[in-house]
Amino acid sequence: MKTHTTIGVNVLSAAHLQSVRTNQVIGVAIKIAGGHHEHWDGTGYPKGLSEEAIPLAARIMAIADVYDALVSKRVYKEKWIYELAIKEILSLRGLQFDPVIVDAFELEESHFLEIEKLHCDT
C-alpha cells in the first residue's frame, strides 16, 4: 500500500520526461502523488516530510483523500456519516493536516454535503 506514492511519482515522472515541453499539470501531479500521505507532524510517508516541506498541492489533496475515503463505502468498510467525517478531519489539525488548510476546509465544509447529495453513490 505504501508504495503507491512512489509508483505514482515514477509513472508521472516518466510521462513528464516524454513531454515535448514542460507540463505544469504533470509537475503538480508528481508533487501530489509523492506527498499526499506525508503528515504535517512528520509521521507520514514516503519521505517523512513535515510542515511546509510537503508541497502545498499534496497538503490539500491529503485532506480531500481522507475525506473521500471516510464518506465513501468501500468493500472493507461502510461509509461514515458526514458529521463524523468532518469531526475526524478537524481532530487531525496540526497532526496529519496543515492547520491552515483544515481551517479552510472547515469554512467550506457545508459545500461538501451539497456535493455529496448531488453525487452520492447510493
PDB file of N, CA and C in Angstrom:
ATOM      1  N   MET A   1       0.815  -1.197   0.000  1.00  0.00           N
ATOM      2  CA  MET A   1       0.000   0.000   0.000  1.00  0.00           C
ATOM      3  C   MET A   1       0.861   1.264   0.000  1.00  0.00           C
ATOM      4  N   LYS A   2       1.883   1.283   0.835  1.00  0.00           N
ATOM      5  CA  LYS A   2       2.692   2.497   0.945  1.00  0.00           C
ATOM      6  C   LYS A   2       3.513   2.781  -0.305  1.00  0.00           C
ATOM      7  N   THR A   3       3.678   1.813  -1.182  1.00  0.00           N
ATOM      8  CA  THR A   3       4.470   2.052  -2.390  1.00  0.00           C
ATOM      9  C   THR A   3       3.704   2.806  -3.462  1.00  0.00           C
ATOM     10  N   HIS A   4       2.398   2.967  -3.308  1.00  0.00           N
ATOM     11  CA  HIS A   4       1.646   3.641  -4.375  1.00  0.00           C
ATOM     12  C   HIS A   4       2.085   5.089  -4.570  1.00  0.00           C
ATOM     13  N   THR A   5       2.610   5.717  -3.534  1.00  0.00           N
ATOM     14  CA  THR A   5       3.092   7.088  -3.687  1.00  0.00           C
ATOM     15  C   THR A   5       4.309   7.130  -4.605  1.00  0.00           C
ATOM     16  N   THR A   6       5.249   6.247  -4.369  1.00  0.00           N
ATOM     17  CA  THR A   6       6.469   6.204  -5.168  1.00  0.00           C
ATOM     18  C   THR A   6       6.179   5.721  -6.589  1.00  0.00           C
ATOM     19  N   ILE A   7       5.321   4.741  -6.723  1.00  0.00           N
ATOM     20  CA  ILE A   7       4.951   4.254  -8.058  1.00  0.00           C
ATOM     21  C   ILE A   7       4.290   5.389  -8.846  1.00  0.00           C
ATOM     22  N   GLY A   8       3.402   6.129  -8.206  1.00  0.00           N
ATOM     23  CA  GLY A   8       2.757   7.260  -8.873  1.00  0.00           C
ATOM     24  C   GLY A   8       3.760   8.296  -9.336  1.00  0.00           C
ATOM     25  N   VAL A   9       4.718   8.619  -8.481  1.00  0.00           N
ATOM     26  CA  VAL A   9       5.765   9.583  -8.856  1.00  0.00           C
ATOM     27  C   VAL A   9       6.552   9.059 -10.058  1.00  0.00           C
ATOM     28  N   ASN A  10       6.918   7.787 -10.044  1.00  0.00           N
ATOM     29  CA  ASN A  10       7.707   7.217 -11.139  1.00  0.00           C
ATOM     30  C   ASN A  10       6.950   7.238 -12.462  1.00  0.00           C
ATOM     31  N   VAL A  11       5.688   6.855 -12.434  1.00  0.00           N
ATOM     32  CA  VAL A  11       4.877   6.845 -13.652  1.00  0.00           C
ATOM     33  C   VAL A  11       4.712   8.262 -14.192  1.00  0.00           C
ATOM     34  N   LEU A  12       4.360   9.190 -13.312  1.00  0.00           N
ATOM     35  CA  LEU A  12       4.168  10.572 -13.744  1.00  0.00           C
ATOM     36  C   LEU A  12       5.475  11.215 -14.199  1.00  0.00           C
ATOM     37  N   SER A  13       6.570  10.869 -13.553  1.00  0.00           N
ATOM     38  CA  SER A  13       7.872  11.410 -13.965  1.00  0.00           C
ATOM     39  C   SER A  13       8.240  10.925 -15.367  1.00  0.00           C
ATOM     40  N   ALA A  14       7.945   9.659 -15.664  1.00  0.00           N
ATOM     41  CA  ALA A  14       8.207   9.130 -17.000  1.00  0.00           C
ATOM     42  C   ALA A  14       7.367   9.877 -18.037  1.00  0.00           C
ATOM     43  N   ALA A  15       6.113  10.125 -17.713  1.00  0.00           N
ATOM     44  CA  ALA A  15       5.246  10.885 -18.621  1.00  0.00           C
ATOM     45  C   ALA A  15       5.759  12.307 -18.783  1.00  0.00           C
ATOM     46  N   HIS A  16       6.240  12.877 -17.708  1.00  0.00           N
ATOM     47  CA  HIS A  16       6.765  14.242 -17.725  1.00  0.00           C
ATOM     48  C   HIS A  16       7.997  14.336 -18.624  1.00  0.00           C
ATOM     49  N   LEU A  17       8.871  13.334 -18.552  1.00  0.00           N
ATOM     50  CA  LEU A  17      10.089  13.323 -19.367  1.00  0.00           C
ATOM     51  C   LEU A  17       9.780  13.149 -20.849  1.00  0.00           C
ATOM     52  N   GLN A  18       8.706  12.428 -21.153  1.00  0.00           N
ATOM     53  CA  GLN A  18       8.345  12.187 -22.551  1.00  0.00           C
ATOM     54  C   GLN A  18       7.639  13.387 -23.172  1.00  0.00           C
ATOM     55  N   SER A  19       7.212  14.313 -22.357  1.00  0.00           N
ATOM     56  CA  SER A  19       6.539  15.503 -22.857  1.00  0.00           C
ATOM     57  C   SER A  19       7.525  16.374 -23.628  1.00  0.00           C
ATOM     58  N   VAL A  20       7.116  16.848 -24.790  1.00  0.00           N
ATOM     59  CA  VAL A  20       7.975  17.699 -25.605  1.00  0.00           C
ATOM     60  C   VAL A  20       8.283  18.991 -24.876  1.00  0.00           C
ATOM     61  N   ARG A  21       7.313  19.524 -24.184  1.00  0.00           N
ATOM     62  CA  ARG A  21       7.523  20.736 -23.392  1.00  0.00           C
ATOM     63  C   ARG A  21       7.124  20.449 -21.955  1.00  0.00           C
ATOM     64  N   THR A  22       7.618  21.246 -21.050  1.00  0.00           N
ATOM     65  CA  THR A  22       7.316  21.044 -19.634  1.00  0.00           C
ATOM     66  C   THR A  22       5.824  21.180 -19.412  1.00  0.00           C
ATOM     67  N   ASN A  23       5.249  20.236 -18.746  1.00  0.00           N
ATOM     68  CA  ASN A  23       3.817  20.227 -18.484  1.00  0.00           C
ATOM     69  C   ASN A  23       3.602  20.506 -17.001  1.00  0.00           C
ATOM     70  N   GLN A  24       3.075  21.680 -16.683  1.00  0.00           N
ATOM     71  CA  GLN A  24       2.864  22.064 -15.282  1.00  0.00           C
ATOM     72  C   GLN A  24       1.887  21.140 -14.569  1.00  0.00           C
ATOM     73  N   VAL A  25       0.882  20.651 -15.277  1.00  0.00           N
ATOM     74  CA  VAL A  25      -0.104  19.769 -14.646  1.00  0.00           C
ATOM     75  C   VAL A  25       0.568  18.495 -14.154  1.00  0.00           C
ATOM     76  N   ILE A  26       1.398  17.906 -14.981  1.00  0.00           N
ATOM     77  CA  ILE A  26       2.102  16.689 -14.563  1.00  0.00           C
ATOM     78  C   ILE A  26       3.049  16.998 -13.410  1.00  0.00           C
ATOM     79  N   GLY A  27       3.679  18.154 -13.436  1.00  0.00           N
ATOM     80  CA  GLY A  27       4.562  18.542 -12.334  1.00  0.00           C
ATOM     81  C   GLY A  27       3.818  18.621 -11.009  1.00  0.00           C
ATOM     82  N   VAL A  28       2.639  19.201 -11.024  1.00  0.00           N
ATOM     83  CA  VAL A  28       1.819  19.271  -9.807  1.00  0.00           C
ATOM     84  C   VAL A  28       1.354  17.876  -9.411  1.00  0.00           C
ATOM     85  N   ALA A  29       0.965  17.066 -10.401  1.00  0.00           N
ATOM     86  CA  ALA A  29       0.528  15.696 -10.114  1.00  0.00           C
ATOM     87  C   ALA A  29       1.636  14.887  -9.452  1.00  0.00           C
ATOM     88  N   ILE A  30       2.866  15.095  -9.866  1.00  0.00           N
ATOM     89  CA  ILE A  30       4.007  14.406  -9.243  1.00  0.00           C
ATOM     90  C   ILE A  30       4.111  14.794  -7.769  1.00  0.00           C
ATOM     91  N   LYS A  31       3.963  16.077  -7.483  1.00  0.00           N
ATOM     92  CA  LYS A  31       4.018  16.534  -6.090  1.00  0.00           C
ATOM     93  C   LYS A  31       2.882  15.937  -5.265  1.00  0.00           C
ATOM     94  N   ILE A  32       1.691  15.863  -5.845  1.00  0.00           N
ATOM     95  CA  ILE A  32       0.541  15.281  -5.140  1.00  0.00           C
ATOM     96  C   ILE A  32       0.775  13.796  -4.888  1.00  0.00           C
ATOM     97  N   ALA A  33       1.160  13.068  -5.930  1.00  0.00           N
ATOM     98  CA  ALA A  33       1.369  11.619  -5.786  1.00  0.00           C
ATOM     99  C   ALA A  33       2.419  11.308  -4.726  1.00  0.00           C
ATOM    100  N   GLY A  34       3.481  12.075  -4.719  1.00  0.00           N
ATOM    101  CA  GLY A  34       4.567  11.799  -3.783  1.00  0.00           C
ATOM    102  C   GLY A  34       4.338  12.293  -2.372  1.00  0.00           C
ATOM    103  N   GLY A  35       3.440  13.250  -2.200  1.00  0.00           N
ATOM    104  CA  GLY A  35       3.312  13.869  -0.883  1.00  0.00           C
ATOM    105  C   GLY A  35       1.978  13.778  -0.179  1.00  0.00           C
ATOM    106  N   HIS A  36       0.971  13.165  -0.807  1.00  0.00           N
ATOM    107  CA  HIS A  36      -0.357  13.201  -0.188  1.00  0.00           C
ATOM    108  C   HIS A  36      -0.502  12.314   1.051  1.00  0.00           C
ATOM    109  N   HIS A  37       0.495  11.492   1.349  1.00  0.00           N
ATOM    110  CA  HIS A  37       0.470  10.707   2.598  1.00  0.00           C
ATOM    111  C   HIS A  37       1.524  11.179   3.602  1.00  0.00           C
ATOM    112  N   GLU A  38       2.160  12.301   3.305  1.00  0.00           N
ATOM    113  CA  GLU A  38       3.035  12.926   4.296  1.00  0.00           C
ATOM    114  C   GLU A  38       2.132  13.599   5.330  1.00  0.00           C
ATOM    115  N   HIS A  39       2.593  13.677   6.552  1.00  0.00           N
ATOM    116  CA  HIS A  39       1.796  14.277   7.629  1.00  0.00           C
ATOM    117  C   HIS A  39       2.466  15.551   8.124  1.00  0.00           C
ATOM    118  N   TRP A  40       1.650  16.505   8.481  1.00  0.00           N
ATOM    119  CA  TRP A  40       2.126  17.802   8.966  1.00  0.00           C
ATOM    120  C   TRP A  40       3.169  17.630  10.069  1.00  0.00           C
ATOM    121  N   ASP A  41       2.971  16.634  10.933  1.00  0.00           N
ATOM    122  CA  ASP A  41       3.883  16.426  12.060  1.00  0.00           C
ATOM    123  C   ASP A  41       5.099  15.557  11.713  1.00  0.00           C
ATOM    124  N   GLY A  42       5.236  15.169  10.451  1.00  0.00           N
ATOM    125  CA  GLY A  42       6.400  14.396  10.016  1.00  0.00           C
ATOM    126  C   GLY A  42       6.276  12.899  10.129  1.00  0.00           C
ATOM    127  N   THR A  43       5.112  12.383  10.526  1.00  0.00           N
ATOM    128  CA  THR A  43       4.960  10.943  10.734  1.00  0.00           C
ATOM    129  C   THR A  43       4.434  10.194   9.514  1.00  0.00           C
ATOM    130  N   GLY A  44       4.273  10.879   8.397  1.00  0.00           N
ATOM    131  CA  GLY A  44       3.735  10.234   7.196  1.00  0.00           C
ATOM    132  C   GLY A  44       4.797   9.533   6.377  1.00  0.00           C
ATOM    133  N   TYR A  45       4.448   9.208   5.150  1.00  0.00           N
ATOM    134  CA  TYR A  45       5.345   8.520   4.238  1.00  0.00           C
ATOM    135  C   TYR A  45       5.153   9.075   2.831  1.00  0.00           C
ATOM    136  N   PRO A  46       6.079   8.899   1.913  1.00  0.00           N
ATOM    137  CA  PRO A  46       7.235   8.006   1.948  1.00  0.00           C
ATOM    138  C   PRO A  46       8.520   8.646   2.488  1.00  0.00           C
ATOM    139  N   LYS A  47       8.571   9.970   2.604  1.00  0.00           N
ATOM    140  CA  LYS A  47       9.836  10.614   2.989  1.00  0.00           C
ATOM    141  C   LYS A  47       9.850  11.164   4.408  1.00  0.00           C
ATOM    142  N   GLY A  48       8.734  11.128   5.110  1.00  0.00           N
ATOM    143  CA  GLY A  48       8.695  11.693   6.451  1.00  0.00           C
ATOM    144  C   GLY A  48       8.792  13.208   6.456  1.00  0.00           C
ATOM    145  N   LEU A  49       8.298  13.850   5.388  1.00  0.00           N
ATOM    146  CA  LEU A  49       8.321  15.313   5.319  1.00  0.00           C
ATOM    147  C   LEU A  49       7.374  15.900   6.352  1.00  0.00           C
ATOM    148  N   SER A  50       7.619  17.150   6.737  1.00  0.00           N
ATOM    149  CA  SER A  50       6.720  17.814   7.676  1.00  0.00           C
ATOM    150  C   SER A  50       6.480  19.256   7.243  1.00  0.00           C
ATOM    151  N   GLU A  51       5.404  19.779   7.724  1.00  0.00           N
ATOM    152  CA  GLU A  51       5.014  21.172   7.548  1.00  0.00           C
ATOM    153  C   GLU A  51       5.184  21.632   6.098  1.00  0.00           C
ATOM    154  N   GLU A  52       5.792  22.815   5.888  1.00  0.00           N
ATOM    155  CA  GLU A  52       5.883  23.386   4.549  1.00  0.00           C
ATOM    156  C   GLU A  52       6.808  22.622   3.611  1.00  0.00           C
ATOM    157  N   ALA A  53       7.548  21.649   4.110  1.00  0.00           N
ATOM    158  CA  ALA A  53       8.350  20.802   3.216  1.00  0.00           C
ATOM    159  C   ALA A  53       7.440  19.930   2.348  1.00  0.00           C
ATOM    160  N   ILE A  54       6.216  19.734   2.780  1.00  0.00           N
ATOM    161  CA  ILE A  54       5.226  18.991   1.996  1.00  0.00           C
ATOM    162  C   ILE A  54       4.667  19.975   0.965  1.00  0.00           C
ATOM    163  N   PRO A  55       4.683  19.618  -0.316  1.00  0.00           N
ATOM    164  CA  PRO A  55       4.141  20.534  -1.322  1.00  0.00           C
ATOM    165  C   PRO A  55       2.686  20.913  -1.016  1.00  0.00           C
ATOM    166  N   LEU A  56       2.348  22.172  -1.265  1.00  0.00           N
ATOM    167  CA  LEU A  56       1.009  22.677  -0.980  1.00  0.00           C
ATOM    168  C   LEU A  56      -0.075  21.825  -1.630  1.00  0.00           C
ATOM    169  N   ALA A  57       0.101  21.473  -2.891  1.00  0.00           N
ATOM    170  CA  ALA A  57      -0.912  20.657  -3.579  1.00  0.00           C
ATOM    171  C   ALA A  57      -1.126  19.321  -2.868  1.00  0.00           C
ATOM    172  N   ALA A  58      -0.058  18.740  -2.346  1.00  0.00           N
ATOM    173  CA  ALA A  58      -0.163  17.465  -1.618  1.00  0.00           C
ATOM    174  C   ALA A  58      -0.872  17.656  -0.283  1.00  0.00           C
ATOM    175  N   ARG A  59      -0.633  18.786   0.381  1.00  0.00           N
ATOM    176  CA  ARG A  59      -1.313  19.056   1.651  1.00  0.00           C
ATOM    177  C   ARG A  59      -2.818  19.206   1.441  1.00  0.00           C
ATOM    178  N   ILE A  60      -3.195  19.832   0.341  1.00  0.00           N
ATOM    179  CA  ILE A  60      -4.616  19.980   0.023  1.00  0.00           C
ATOM    180  C   ILE A  60      -5.213  18.616  -0.320  1.00  0.00           C
ATOM    181  N   MET A  61      -4.522  17.856  -1.170  1.00  0.00           N
ATOM    182  CA  MET A  61      -5.027  16.543  -1.581  1.00  0.00           C
ATOM    183  C   MET A  61      -5.118  15.580  -0.402  1.00  0.00           C
ATOM    184  N   ALA A  62      -4.246  15.720   0.579  1.00  0.00           N
ATOM    185  CA  ALA A  62      -4.282  14.828   1.741  1.00  0.00           C
ATOM    186  C   ALA A  62      -5.641  14.885   2.432  1.00  0.00           C
ATOM    187  N   ILE A  63      -6.159  16.098   2.606  1.00  0.00           N
ATOM    188  CA  ILE A  63      -7.475  16.231   3.247  1.00  0.00           C
ATOM    189  C   ILE A  63      -8.567  15.693   2.339  1.00  0.00           C
ATOM    190  N   ALA A  64      -8.497  16.023   1.053  1.00  0.00           N
ATOM    191  CA  ALA A  64      -9.502  15.535   0.112  1.00  0.00           C
ATOM    192  C   ALA A  64      -9.513  14.006   0.068  1.00  0.00           C
ATOM    193  N   ASP A  65      -8.341  13.406   0.075  1.00  0.00           N
ATOM    194  CA  ASP A  65      -8.216  11.950   0.012  1.00  0.00           C
ATOM    195  C   ASP A  65      -8.821  11.289   1.245  1.00  0.00           C
ATOM    196  N   VAL A  66      -8.495  11.803   2.422  1.00  0.00           N
ATOM    197  CA  VAL A  66      -9.025  11.218   3.650  1.00  0.00           C
ATOM    198  C   VAL A  66     -10.543  11.438   3.740  1.00  0.00           C
ATOM    199  N   TYR A  67     -10.990  12.635   3.427  1.00  0.00           N
ATOM    200  CA  TYR A  67     -12.432  12.910   3.464  1.00  0.00           C
ATOM    201  C   TYR A  67     -13.181  11.952   2.529  1.00  0.00           C
ATOM    202  N   ASP A  68     -12.683  11.807   1.296  1.00  0.00           N
ATOM    203  CA  ASP A  68     -13.331  10.900   0.348  1.00  0.00           C
ATOM    204  C   ASP A  68     -13.332   9.465   0.855  1.00  0.00           C
ATOM    205  N   ALA A  69     -12.224   9.029   1.433  1.00  0.00           N
ATOM    206  CA  ALA A  69     -12.151   7.665   1.970  1.00  0.00           C
ATOM    207  C   ALA A  69     -13.151   7.458   3.102  1.00  0.00           C
ATOM    208  N   LEU A  70     -13.324   8.472   3.932  1.00  0.00           N
ATOM    209  CA  LEU A  70     -14.245   8.345   5.063  1.00  0.00           C
ATOM    210  C   LEU A  70     -15.704   8.301   4.621  1.00  0.00           C
ATOM    211  N   VAL A  71     -16.088   9.171   3.689  1.00  0.00           N
ATOM    212  CA  VAL A  71     -17.510   9.280   3.335  1.00  0.00           C
ATOM    213  C   VAL A  71     -17.922   8.334   2.209  1.00  0.00           C
ATOM    214  N   SER A  72     -17.003   7.518   1.721  1.00  0.00           N
ATOM    215  CA  SER A  72     -17.301   6.564   0.655  1.00  0.00           C
ATOM    216  C   SER A  72     -17.357   5.146   1.211  1.00  0.00           C
ATOM    217  N   LYS A  73     -18.325   4.398   0.732  1.00  0.00           N
ATOM    218  CA  LYS A  73     -18.396   2.991   1.092  1.00  0.00           C
ATOM    219  C   LYS A  73     -17.286   2.252   0.348  1.00  0.00           C
ATOM    220  N   ARG A  74     -16.614   1.376   1.048  1.00  0.00           N
ATOM    221  CA  ARG A  74     -15.557   0.559   0.454  1.00  0.00           C
ATOM    222  C   ARG A  74     -15.880  -0.900   0.756  1.00  0.00           C
ATOM    223  N   VAL A  75     -15.241  -1.811   0.060  1.00  0.00           N
ATOM    224  CA  VAL A  75     -15.504  -3.229   0.304  1.00  0.00           C
ATOM    225  C   VAL A  75     -15.150  -3.630   1.726  1.00  0.00           C
ATOM    226  N   TYR A  76     -14.240  -2.904   2.345  1.00  0.00           N
ATOM    227  CA  TYR A  76     -13.775  -3.241   3.681  1.00  0.00           C
ATOM    228  C   TYR A  76     -14.413  -2.392   4.778  1.00  0.00           C
ATOM    229  N   LYS A  77     -15.299  -1.426   4.421  1.00  0.00           N
ATOM    230  CA  LYS A  77     -15.921  -0.588   5.448  1.00  0.00           C
ATOM    231  C   LYS A  77     -17.169   0.095   4.905  1.00  0.00           C
ATOM    232  N   GLU A  78     -18.026   0.471   5.809  1.00  0.00           N
ATOM    233  CA  GLU A  78     -19.187   1.290   5.465  1.00  0.00           C
ATOM    234  C   GLU A  78     -18.765   2.753   5.416  1.00  0.00           C
ATOM    235  N   LYS A  79     -19.551   3.563   4.739  1.00  0.00           N
ATOM    236  CA  LYS A  79     -19.230   4.986   4.712  1.00  0.00           C
ATOM    237  C   LYS A  79     -19.546   5.613   6.061  1.00  0.00           C
ATOM    238  N   TRP A  80     -18.762   6.609   6.428  1.00  0.00           N
ATOM    239  CA  TRP A  80     -19.003   7.352   7.659  1.00  0.00           C
ATOM    240  C   TRP A  80     -20.088   8.394   7.400  1.00  0.00           C
ATOM    241  N   ILE A  81     -20.823   8.749   8.441  1.00  0.00           N
ATOM    242  CA  ILE A  81     -21.757   9.853   8.281  1.00  0.00           C
ATOM    243  C   ILE A  81     -20.955  11.149   8.191  1.00  0.00           C
ATOM    244  N   TYR A  82     -21.531  12.086   7.493  1.00  0.00           N
ATOM    245  CA  TYR A  82     -20.888  13.357   7.184  1.00  0.00           C
ATOM    246  C   TYR A  82     -20.310  14.040   8.425  1.00  0.00           C
ATOM    247  N   GLU A  83     -21.096  14.149   9.481  1.00  0.00           N
ATOM    248  CA  GLU A  83     -20.658  14.865  10.685  1.00  0.00           C
ATOM    249  C   GLU A  83     -19.439  14.218  11.332  1.00  0.00           C
ATOM    250  N   LEU A  84     -19.396  12.892  11.356  1.00  0.00           N
ATOM    251  CA  LEU A  84     -18.234  12.202  11.933  1.00  0.00           C
ATOM    252  C   LEU A  84     -16.988  12.373  11.066  1.00  0.00           C
ATOM    253  N   ALA A  85     -17.166  12.384   9.754  1.00  0.00           N
ATOM    254  CA  ALA A  85     -16.035  12.593   8.857  1.00  0.00           C
ATOM    255  C   ALA A  85     -15.433  13.983   9.067  1.00  0.00           C
ATOM    256  N   ILE A  86     -16.297  14.992   9.179  1.00  0.00           N
ATOM    257  CA  ILE A  86     -15.825  16.357   9.430  1.00  0.00           C
ATOM    258  C   ILE A  86     -15.091  16.415  10.765  1.00  0.00           C
ATOM    259  N   LYS A  87     -15.671  15.815  11.787  1.00  0.00           N
ATOM    260  CA  LYS A  87     -15.058  15.815  13.118  1.00  0.00           C
ATOM    261  C   LYS A  87     -13.675  15.153  13.086  1.00  0.00           C
ATOM    262  N   GLU A  88     -13.546  14.071  12.335  1.00  0.00           N
ATOM    263  CA  GLU A  88     -12.255  13.372  12.219  1.00  0.00           C
ATOM    264  C   GLU A  88     -11.209  14.264  11.559  1.00  0.00           C
ATOM    265  N   ILE A  89     -11.567  14.914  10.468  1.00  0.00           N
ATOM    266  CA  ILE A  89     -10.628  15.819   9.794  1.00  0.00           C
ATOM    267  C   ILE A  89     -10.178  16.917  10.763  1.00  0.00           C
ATOM    268  N   LEU A  90     -11.134  17.525  11.458  1.00  0.00           N
ATOM    269  CA  LEU A  90     -10.799  18.612  12.383  1.00  0.00           C
ATOM    270  C   LEU A  90      -9.902  18.127  13.520  1.00  0.00           C
ATOM    271  N   SER A  91     -10.092  16.887  13.951  1.00  0.00           N
ATOM    272  CA  SER A  91      -9.273  16.345  15.047  1.00  0.00           C
ATOM    273  C   SER A  91      -7.822  16.127  14.636  1.00  0.00           C
ATOM    274  N   LEU A  92      -7.561  16.069  13.343  1.00  0.00           N
ATOM    275  CA  LEU A  92      -6.215  15.815  12.841  1.00  0.00           C
ATOM    276  C   LEU A  92      -5.480  17.103  12.452  1.00  0.00           C
ATOM    277  N   ARG A  93      -6.069  18.241  12.790  1.00  0.00           N
ATOM    278  CA  ARG A  93      -5.467  19.555  12.525  1.00  0.00           C
ATOM    279  C   ARG A  93      -4.139  19.663  13.283  1.00  0.00           C
ATOM    280  N   GLY A  94      -3.085  19.973  12.567  1.00  0.00           N
ATOM    281  CA  GLY A  94      -1.766  20.128  13.182  1.00  0.00           C
ATOM    282  C   GLY A  94      -1.036  18.817  13.415  1.00  0.00           C
ATOM    283  N   LEU A  95      -1.687  17.717  13.186  1.00  0.00           N
ATOM    284  CA  LEU A  95      -1.048  16.400  13.310  1.00  0.00           C
ATOM    285  C   LEU A  95      -0.817  15.836  11.913  1.00  0.00           C
ATOM    286  N   GLN A  96      -1.911  15.390  11.308  1.00  0.00           N
ATOM    287  CA  GLN A  96      -1.829  14.852   9.957  1.00  0.00           C
ATOM    288  C   GLN A  96      -1.927  15.963   8.912  1.00  0.00           C
ATOM    289  N   PHE A  97      -2.714  16.992   9.224  1.00  0.00           N
ATOM    290  CA  PHE A  97      -3.013  18.014   8.226  1.00  0.00           C
ATOM    291  C   PHE A  97      -2.515  19.397   8.614  1.00  0.00           C
ATOM    292  N   ASP A  98      -2.194  20.179   7.591  1.00  0.00           N
ATOM    293  CA  ASP A  98      -1.801  21.578   7.730  1.00  0.00           C
ATOM    294  C   ASP A  98      -2.947  22.339   8.408  1.00  0.00           C
ATOM    295  N   PRO A  99      -2.683  23.008   9.522  1.00  0.00           N
ATOM    296  CA  PRO A  99      -3.748  23.726  10.232  1.00  0.00           C
ATOM    297  C   PRO A  99      -4.478  24.764   9.373  1.00  0.00           C
ATOM    298  N   VAL A 100      -3.766  25.468   8.530  1.00  0.00           N
ATOM    299  CA  VAL A 100      -4.405  26.492   7.694  1.00  0.00           C
ATOM    300  C   VAL A 100      -5.364  25.852   6.699  1.00  0.00           C
ATOM    301  N   ILE A 101      -4.976  24.714   6.143  1.00  0.00           N
ATOM    302  CA  ILE A 101      -5.846  24.038   5.186  1.00  0.00           C
ATOM    303  C   ILE A 101      -7.049  23.428   5.888  1.00  0.00           C
ATOM    304  N   VAL A 102      -6.872  22.931   7.085  1.00  0.00           N
ATOM    305  CA  VAL A 102      -8.020  22.444   7.863  1.00  0.00           C
ATOM    306  C   VAL A 102      -8.980  23.596   8.149  1.00  0.00           C
ATOM    307  N   ASP A 103      -8.452  24.762   8.474  1.00  0.00           N
ATOM    308  CA  ASP A 103      -9.315  25.922   8.712  1.00  0.00           C
ATOM    309  C   ASP A 103     -10.121  26.262   7.456  1.00  0.00           C
ATOM    310  N   ALA A 104      -9.474  26.226   6.291  1.00  0.00           N
ATOM    311  CA  ALA A 104     -10.174  26.484   5.029  1.00  0.00           C
ATOM    312  C   ALA A 104     -11.219  25.404   4.770  1.00  0.00           C
ATOM    313  N   PHE A 105     -10.866  24.153   5.047  1.00  0.00           N
ATOM    314  CA  PHE A 105     -11.802  23.033   4.909  1.00  0.00           C
ATOM    315  C   PHE A 105     -13.035  23.272   5.779  1.00  0.00           C
ATOM    316  N   GLU A 106     -12.803  23.681   7.008  1.00  0.00           N
ATOM    317  CA  GLU A 106     -13.910  23.914   7.935  1.00  0.00           C
ATOM    318  C   GLU A 106     -14.821  25.044   7.429  1.00  0.00           C
ATOM    319  N   LEU A 107     -14.242  26.079   6.877  1.00  0.00           N
ATOM    320  CA  LEU A 107     -15.042  27.188   6.349  1.00  0.00           C
ATOM    321  C   LEU A 107     -15.921  26.762   5.173  1.00  0.00           C
ATOM    322  N   GLU A 108     -15.468  25.797   4.412  1.00  0.00           N
ATOM    323  CA  GLU A 108     -16.187  25.361   3.208  1.00  0.00           C
ATOM    324  C   GLU A 108     -16.945  24.049   3.376  1.00  0.00           C
ATOM    325  N   GLU A 109     -16.905  23.446   4.554  1.00  0.00           N
ATOM    326  CA  GLU A 109     -17.425  22.092   4.716  1.00  0.00           C
ATOM    327  C   GLU A 109     -18.893  21.936   4.364  1.00  0.00           C
ATOM    328  N   SER A 110     -19.693  22.961   4.489  1.00  0.00           N
ATOM    329  CA  SER A 110     -21.110  22.820   4.132  1.00  0.00           C
ATOM    330  C   SER A 110     -21.275  22.520   2.642  1.00  0.00           C
ATOM    331  N   HIS A 111     -20.350  22.970   1.824  1.00  0.00           N
ATOM    332  CA  HIS A 111     -20.420  22.694   0.388  1.00  0.00           C
ATOM    333  C   HIS A 111     -20.175  21.216   0.090  1.00  0.00           C
ATOM    334  N   PHE A 112     -19.391  20.540   0.928  1.00  0.00           N
ATOM    335  CA  PHE A 112     -19.127  19.126   0.699  1.00  0.00           C
ATOM    336  C   PHE A 112     -20.396  18.307   0.859  1.00  0.00           C
ATOM    337  N   LEU A 113     -21.239  18.666   1.784  1.00  0.00           N
ATOM    338  CA  LEU A 113     -22.506  17.963   1.974  1.00  0.00           C
ATOM    339  C   LEU A 113     -23.400  18.167   0.749  1.00  0.00           C
ATOM    340  N   GLU A 114     -23.421  19.378   0.213  1.00  0.00           N
ATOM    341  CA  GLU A 114     -24.202  19.641  -1.006  1.00  0.00           C
ATOM    342  C   GLU A 114     -23.706  18.776  -2.159  1.00  0.00           C
ATOM    343  N   ILE A 115     -22.394  18.698  -2.317  1.00  0.00           N
ATOM    344  CA  ILE A 115     -21.798  17.891  -3.383  1.00  0.00           C
ATOM    345  C   ILE A 115     -22.123  16.422  -3.179  1.00  0.00           C
ATOM    346  N   GLU A 116     -22.038  15.961  -1.932  1.00  0.00           N
ATOM    347  CA  GLU A 116     -22.343  14.560  -1.635  1.00  0.00           C
ATOM    348  C   GLU A 116     -23.782  14.232  -2.005  1.00  0.00           C
ATOM    349  N   LYS A 117     -24.709  15.122  -1.700  1.00  0.00           N
ATOM    350  CA  LYS A 117     -26.119  14.880  -2.034  1.00  0.00           C
ATOM    351  C   LYS A 117     -26.327  14.809  -3.541  1.00  0.00           C
ATOM    352  N   LEU A 118     -25.588  15.621  -4.290  1.00  0.00           N
ATOM    353  CA  LEU A 118     -25.707  15.616  -5.757  1.00  0.00           C
ATOM    354  C   LEU A 118     -25.093  14.368  -6.389  1.00  0.00           C
ATOM    355  N   HIS A 119     -24.035  13.862  -5.788  1.00  0.00           N
ATOM    356  CA  HIS A 119     -23.254  12.792  -6.407  1.00  0.00           C
ATOM    357  C   HIS A 119     -23.127  11.552  -5.534  1.00  0.00           C
ATOM    358  N   CYS A 120     -24.099  11.273  -4.718  1.00  0.00           N
ATOM    359  CA  CYS A 120     -23.969  10.130  -3.790  1.00  0.00           C
ATOM    360  C   CYS A 120     -23.941   8.809  -4.564  1.00  0.00           C
ATOM    361  N   ASP A 121     -23.239   7.848  -3.972  1.00  0.00           N
ATOM    362  CA  ASP A 121     -23.071   6.535  -4.588  1.00  0.00           C
ATOM    363  C   ASP A 121     -24.328   5.674  -4.494  1.00  0.00           C
ATOM    364  N   THR A 122     -25.155   5.907  -3.529  1.00  0.00           N
ATOM    365  CA  THR A 122     -26.345   5.119  -3.196  1.00  0.00           C
ATOM    366  C   THR A 122     -26.189   3.659  -3.295  1.00  0.00           C
TER     367      THR A 122
END
